[in-house]
Protein backbone atom coordinates (compact mmCIF):
# COMPACT_ATOMS: atom_id res chain seq x y z
CA MET A 1 -4.20 -22.40 -2.51
CA MET A 2 -2.21 -25.65 -2.36
CA ASN A 3 -1.02 -26.85 1.07
CA GLY A 4 -1.41 -23.30 2.36
CA THR A 5 0.75 -21.84 -0.44
CA PRO A 6 -0.73 -19.61 -3.17
CA GLN A 7 -0.85 -21.28 -6.55
CA MET A 8 1.77 -19.97 -8.97
CA VAL A 9 0.80 -19.09 -12.53
CA GLU A 10 3.19 -19.46 -15.43
CA ILE A 11 5.22 -16.30 -16.05
CA PRO A 12 6.54 -16.10 -19.63
CA GLY A 13 10.29 -16.55 -19.65
CA TYR A 14 10.56 -17.50 -15.98
CA GLN A 15 10.29 -20.64 -13.88
CA ALA A 16 8.88 -20.41 -10.36
CA VAL A 17 11.35 -21.83 -7.85
CA GLN A 18 10.07 -21.00 -4.38
CA PHE A 19 7.29 -19.13 -2.61
CA LEU A 20 8.85 -16.42 -0.41
CA GLY A 21 5.97 -14.61 1.27
CA THR A 22 3.01 -12.25 1.03
CA GLY A 23 2.37 -8.52 1.13
CA ALA A 24 -0.56 -6.19 0.55
CA ARG A 25 -2.62 -8.14 -2.04
CA SER A 26 0.65 -9.58 -3.30
CA THR A 27 2.71 -12.74 -3.28
CA ILE A 28 6.50 -12.88 -3.61
CA TRP A 29 8.30 -15.69 -5.43
CA GLN A 30 11.81 -16.67 -6.29
CA VAL A 31 11.98 -17.23 -10.05
CA ARG A 32 14.62 -18.27 -12.57
CA ASP A 33 15.15 -16.63 -15.94
CA ARG A 34 14.98 -19.53 -18.39
CA GLN A 35 17.47 -17.93 -20.79
CA THR A 36 20.14 -16.62 -18.41
CA ASN A 37 19.57 -18.95 -15.42
CA GLN A 38 19.67 -15.88 -13.18
CA TYR A 39 17.44 -15.76 -10.12
CA PHE A 40 15.09 -12.90 -9.31
CA ALA A 41 12.23 -12.07 -6.99
CA LEU A 42 8.77 -11.80 -8.53
CA LYS A 43 6.02 -9.73 -6.95
CA ARG A 44 2.50 -10.58 -8.15
CA VAL A 45 -0.23 -8.10 -7.27
CA VAL A 46 -3.67 -9.42 -8.24
CA LYS A 47 -6.90 -7.41 -8.19
CA GLN A 48 -9.67 -9.41 -6.53
CA HIS A 49 -12.04 -6.54 -5.70
CA LEU A 50 -12.59 -3.09 -7.14
CA ALA A 51 -10.92 -1.49 -4.12
CA ASP A 52 -7.76 -3.47 -4.86
CA TYR A 53 -6.95 -1.26 -7.83
CA ARG A 54 -4.90 1.00 -5.55
CA PHE A 55 -2.53 -1.92 -4.89
CA LEU A 56 -1.98 -2.28 -8.63
CA GLU A 57 -1.28 1.45 -8.80
CA GLN A 58 1.25 1.17 -5.97
CA ALA A 59 3.08 -1.65 -7.76
CA ILE A 60 3.26 0.38 -10.97
CA ASN A 61 4.42 3.39 -8.98
CA GLU A 62 7.09 1.27 -7.28
CA TYR A 63 8.49 0.27 -10.67
CA GLU A 64 8.40 3.82 -12.05
CA VAL A 65 10.32 5.21 -9.05
CA ALA A 66 12.80 2.32 -8.80
CA SER A 67 13.60 2.51 -12.52
CA ARG A 68 14.95 6.04 -11.93
CA LEU A 69 17.23 5.01 -9.06
CA ASP A 70 20.51 3.11 -8.89
CA HIS A 71 21.81 2.68 -5.36
CA PRO A 72 23.24 -0.45 -3.72
CA VAL A 73 20.95 -0.13 -0.67
CA ILE A 74 17.74 0.27 -2.70
CA ARG A 75 16.24 -2.89 -4.20
CA LYS A 76 16.36 -2.81 -7.98
CA ILE A 77 13.27 -3.52 -10.10
CA TYR A 78 14.04 -4.63 -13.63
CA ARG A 79 10.72 -5.28 -15.35
CA LEU A 80 7.04 -4.44 -15.11
CA ARG A 81 4.42 -6.69 -16.70
CA LYS A 82 0.72 -5.85 -16.82
CA VAL A 83 -1.85 -8.61 -17.22
CA LYS A 84 -5.23 -7.60 -18.61
CA GLU A 85 -8.55 -9.38 -18.81
CA TRP A 86 -11.20 -8.01 -21.16
CA LEU A 87 -8.99 -4.91 -21.60
CA ARG A 88 -9.02 -4.26 -17.86
CA LEU A 89 -5.90 -4.43 -15.71
CA ARG A 90 -6.15 -7.54 -13.53
CA GLU A 91 -2.58 -8.15 -12.35
CA VAL A 92 0.79 -6.44 -12.09
CA GLN A 93 4.05 -8.39 -11.98
CA LEU A 94 7.41 -6.95 -10.95
CA ILE A 95 10.72 -8.69 -11.65
CA MET A 96 12.98 -7.53 -8.83
CA GLU A 97 16.42 -8.03 -7.37
CA LEU A 98 16.48 -11.16 -5.22
CA CYS A 99 17.51 -10.06 -1.73
CA ASP A 100 18.31 -12.48 1.08
CA GLY A 101 17.82 -11.58 4.71
CA THR A 102 15.36 -10.68 7.42
CA THR A 103 13.61 -7.41 8.11
CA VAL A 104 14.59 -5.25 11.07
CA GLN A 105 10.98 -5.62 12.21
CA ALA A 106 11.27 -9.42 12.34
CA ALA A 107 14.75 -9.52 13.89
CA ARG A 108 15.36 -6.30 15.81
CA PRO A 109 19.08 -5.76 16.41
CA THR A 110 20.03 -4.73 19.95
CA SER A 111 23.67 -3.72 19.54
CA ILE A 112 23.86 0.09 19.33
CA PRO A 113 26.86 0.06 16.94
CA ARG A 114 25.07 -2.44 14.68
CA ILE A 115 21.91 -0.33 14.69
CA MET A 116 24.03 2.71 13.84
CA ASP A 117 25.63 0.86 10.92
CA ILE A 118 22.28 -0.27 9.50
CA PHE A 119 20.59 3.09 9.79
CA HIS A 120 23.60 4.97 8.46
CA GLU A 121 23.27 2.95 5.25
CA VAL A 122 19.53 3.60 5.14
CA ALA A 123 20.09 7.33 5.70
CA MET A 124 22.61 7.45 2.85
CA ALA A 125 20.15 5.70 0.54
CA LEU A 126 17.33 8.08 1.48
CA ALA A 127 19.61 11.07 0.92
CA TYR A 128 20.39 9.70 -2.55
CA MET A 129 16.70 9.14 -3.24
CA ASN A 130 15.86 12.69 -2.18
CA SER A 131 18.66 14.01 -4.43
CA LYS A 132 16.93 12.28 -7.35
CA GLY A 133 13.69 14.11 -6.56
CA PHE A 134 11.75 11.47 -4.61
CA VAL A 135 10.42 10.97 -1.09
CA HIS A 136 10.29 7.39 0.17
CA ALA A 137 7.32 8.24 2.43
CA ASP A 138 7.06 4.85 4.17
CA MET A 139 10.36 4.12 5.86
CA LYS A 140 9.84 1.60 8.65
CA PRO A 141 11.64 -1.43 10.13
CA ASN A 142 9.62 -3.81 7.97
CA ASN A 143 11.03 -2.14 4.84
CA ILE A 144 14.66 -2.62 5.88
CA LEU A 145 16.14 -6.00 5.01
CA VAL A 146 19.45 -7.18 6.50
CA SER A 147 21.25 -10.27 5.20
CA SER A 148 23.26 -12.72 7.29
CA HIS A 149 26.37 -10.98 5.92
CA GLY A 150 25.13 -7.58 7.06
CA LYS A 151 24.03 -6.30 3.66
CA VAL A 152 21.23 -3.72 3.98
CA LYS A 153 18.39 -3.21 1.49
CA ILE A 154 15.36 -0.91 1.37
CA ILE A 155 12.75 -3.17 -0.18
CA ASP A 156 9.51 -1.23 -0.76
CA LEU A 157 8.95 1.95 -2.79
CA GLY A 158 5.21 1.52 -3.24
CA GLN A 159 4.30 4.81 -1.54
CA SER A 160 7.24 6.83 -2.86
CA CYS A 161 6.48 10.05 -4.71
CA PRO A 162 8.12 13.16 -6.18
CA LEU A 163 9.26 15.83 -3.71
CA GLY A 164 6.44 18.29 -3.03
CA THR A 165 3.62 15.80 -3.66
CA THR A 166 0.36 16.33 -1.78
CA LYS A 167 -1.46 13.00 -1.59
CA LEU A 168 -5.24 12.86 -1.84
CA ARG A 169 -5.56 10.26 0.90
CA ILE A 170 -3.58 9.36 3.99
CA GLN A 171 -0.80 6.91 3.16
CA GLY A 172 1.69 5.58 5.65
CA THR A 173 2.14 3.22 8.57
CA PRO A 174 0.53 4.50 11.81
CA ASP A 175 3.55 3.90 14.08
CA PHE A 176 5.94 5.77 11.76
CA ILE A 177 3.80 8.27 9.82
CA ALA A 178 4.71 11.96 9.79
CA PRO A 179 2.11 14.58 10.72
CA GLU A 180 2.17 16.16 7.25
CA GLN A 181 1.19 12.80 5.77
CA VAL A 182 -1.85 12.68 8.05
CA TYR A 183 -2.80 16.29 7.39
CA ARG A 184 -2.26 15.72 3.65
CA ARG A 185 0.27 18.47 3.20
CA PRO A 186 3.19 18.54 0.72
CA LEU A 187 5.83 15.90 1.39
CA ASP A 188 9.55 16.55 1.17
CA ALA A 189 12.86 15.27 2.53
CA ARG A 190 11.82 16.17 6.07
CA THR A 191 9.03 13.59 5.78
CA ASP A 192 11.68 10.93 5.23
CA VAL A 193 13.61 12.42 8.17
CA PHE A 194 10.58 11.81 10.42
CA ASN A 195 9.80 8.30 9.12
CA PHE A 196 13.48 7.34 9.36
CA ALA A 197 13.80 8.57 12.94
CA ALA A 198 10.54 6.88 13.98
CA ALA A 199 11.92 3.60 12.60
CA LEU A 200 15.22 4.20 14.38
CA TYR A 201 13.38 4.95 17.65
CA TRP A 202 11.52 1.63 17.44
CA THR A 203 14.75 -0.23 16.72
CA LEU A 204 16.58 1.41 19.63
CA THR A 205 13.78 0.97 22.17
CA GLY A 206 11.39 -1.72 20.94
CA GLN A 207 8.60 0.85 21.29
CA ALA A 208 6.78 2.98 18.72
CA ILE A 209 6.56 6.73 19.06
CA PRO A 210 3.13 8.34 19.47
CA THR A 211 1.99 9.73 16.11
CA VAL A 212 -1.00 11.89 15.19
CA LEU A 213 -2.68 9.05 13.31
CA PRO A 214 -5.12 7.15 15.54
CA LYS A 215 -4.51 3.46 16.02
CA LYS A 216 -6.79 0.46 16.49
CA GLY A 217 -9.74 1.85 14.59
CA GLY A 218 -9.83 5.32 16.14
CA MET A 219 -11.31 8.07 14.03
CA GLN A 220 -10.10 11.35 15.53
CA ILE A 221 -6.67 12.67 14.61
CA MET A 222 -4.58 13.00 17.76
CA ILE A 223 -2.94 16.17 18.99
CA ASP A 224 0.83 16.25 19.11
CA GLN A 225 2.37 14.05 21.78
CA ALA A 226 5.97 14.51 22.88
CA ILE A 227 8.03 11.34 22.70
CA ILE A 228 9.98 9.91 25.60
CA PRO A 229 13.63 10.39 24.57
CA PRO A 230 15.19 7.08 23.49
CA HIS A 231 17.92 7.17 26.14
CA GLU A 232 15.25 7.26 28.87
CA VAL A 233 13.75 4.03 27.48
CA ASN A 234 17.07 2.36 26.69
CA PRO A 235 19.98 3.72 28.77
CA GLU A 236 22.48 2.26 26.28
CA VAL A 237 21.44 4.85 23.66
CA PRO A 238 24.04 7.64 23.55
CA LEU A 239 22.63 11.06 24.45
CA PRO A 240 23.62 12.68 21.10
CA LEU A 241 21.79 9.91 19.20
CA SER A 242 18.76 10.31 21.47
CA ARG A 243 18.73 14.06 20.79
CA LEU A 244 18.95 13.50 17.03
CA VAL A 245 15.99 11.10 17.03
CA THR A 246 13.96 13.51 19.16
CA GLU A 247 14.70 16.44 16.85
CA CYS A 248 13.87 14.42 13.74
CA THR A 249 10.42 13.47 15.05
CA ARG A 250 9.21 16.98 15.82
CA THR A 251 5.70 17.71 14.62
CA ASN A 252 6.68 20.86 12.73
CA PRO A 253 8.84 19.89 9.73
CA LEU A 254 10.67 23.22 9.96
CA GLN A 255 12.01 22.19 13.38
CA ARG A 256 13.53 18.96 12.07
CA PRO A 257 16.90 18.60 10.32
CA ALA A 258 16.36 19.99 6.84
CA SER A 259 17.60 16.95 4.91
CA MET A 260 18.78 13.38 5.16
CA ASN A 261 22.28 14.68 4.40
CA ASP A 262 22.12 16.59 7.69
CA VAL A 263 21.07 13.38 9.43
CA VAL A 264 23.96 11.47 7.83
CA SER A 265 26.42 14.11 9.03
CA ARG A 266 25.06 13.89 12.57
CA LEU A 267 25.24 10.09 12.53
CA ASP A 268 28.85 10.25 11.30
CA LEU A 269 29.78 12.57 14.18
CA ILE A 270 28.01 10.36 16.73
CA ALA A 271 29.73 7.24 15.40
CA HIS A 272 33.12 8.99 15.50
CA THR A 273 32.56 10.09 19.09
CA MET A 274 31.48 6.58 20.11
CA LYS A 275 34.57 5.08 18.49
CA ASN A 276 36.90 7.47 20.29
CA ALA A 277 35.15 6.86 23.60
CA SER A 278 35.58 3.10 23.25
């Protein structure tokens, strides 16, 4: 560490320009391609302990999923580089699209029309991702980046997986995780429906929904807890939008909208009604 900033190693073909931030066992840098002078984001994931290997796996998985997608709202990943030491994988580097902006988590919008615009774009991107055979599986406000010009990006695919995947361990963020992720059941588009709606609920209300995953070190999986409808927390939330969020966060996946396309259609209708009312 130098002056509180992680020390940058030389990346063949690239020049480090600026330290951007940190993630799970990772650092993010702005880098310049020495040949083309183009700027990219570099994610470095370094194994420090044996248990860190899962973070390397997630970075590799993120590249493998992103390389099969091409959508303007999903961050592109162009290259994967593996660094080995004594034939053992020590570091993974991802050359990614450089995206400006702030996460929804860090700068929660309060305008209902603006929230609708952001989450409509996210819903379209998730519908596309599902159509390509993948579940995002970790949609949350911290994974939605919005630029000063209003451009929206989904920035993390580390926990994404093929439709129908049953994961061996619980993966997800406690405030947004779907019950089937906690119970380690097959994941499908309705998992993204739940995660998406949980993220939308937080953005609309500033509060997280109760999920079945215990928080703050608890060990026992919780029983289902009904959410307080968003319009009861924030009276500015239109009733049809509140109903949609409530339906999307039902414990039983079969009781949720069947796909993100259904969610997009509902959002379109709500937006149309709001526009006519105004």
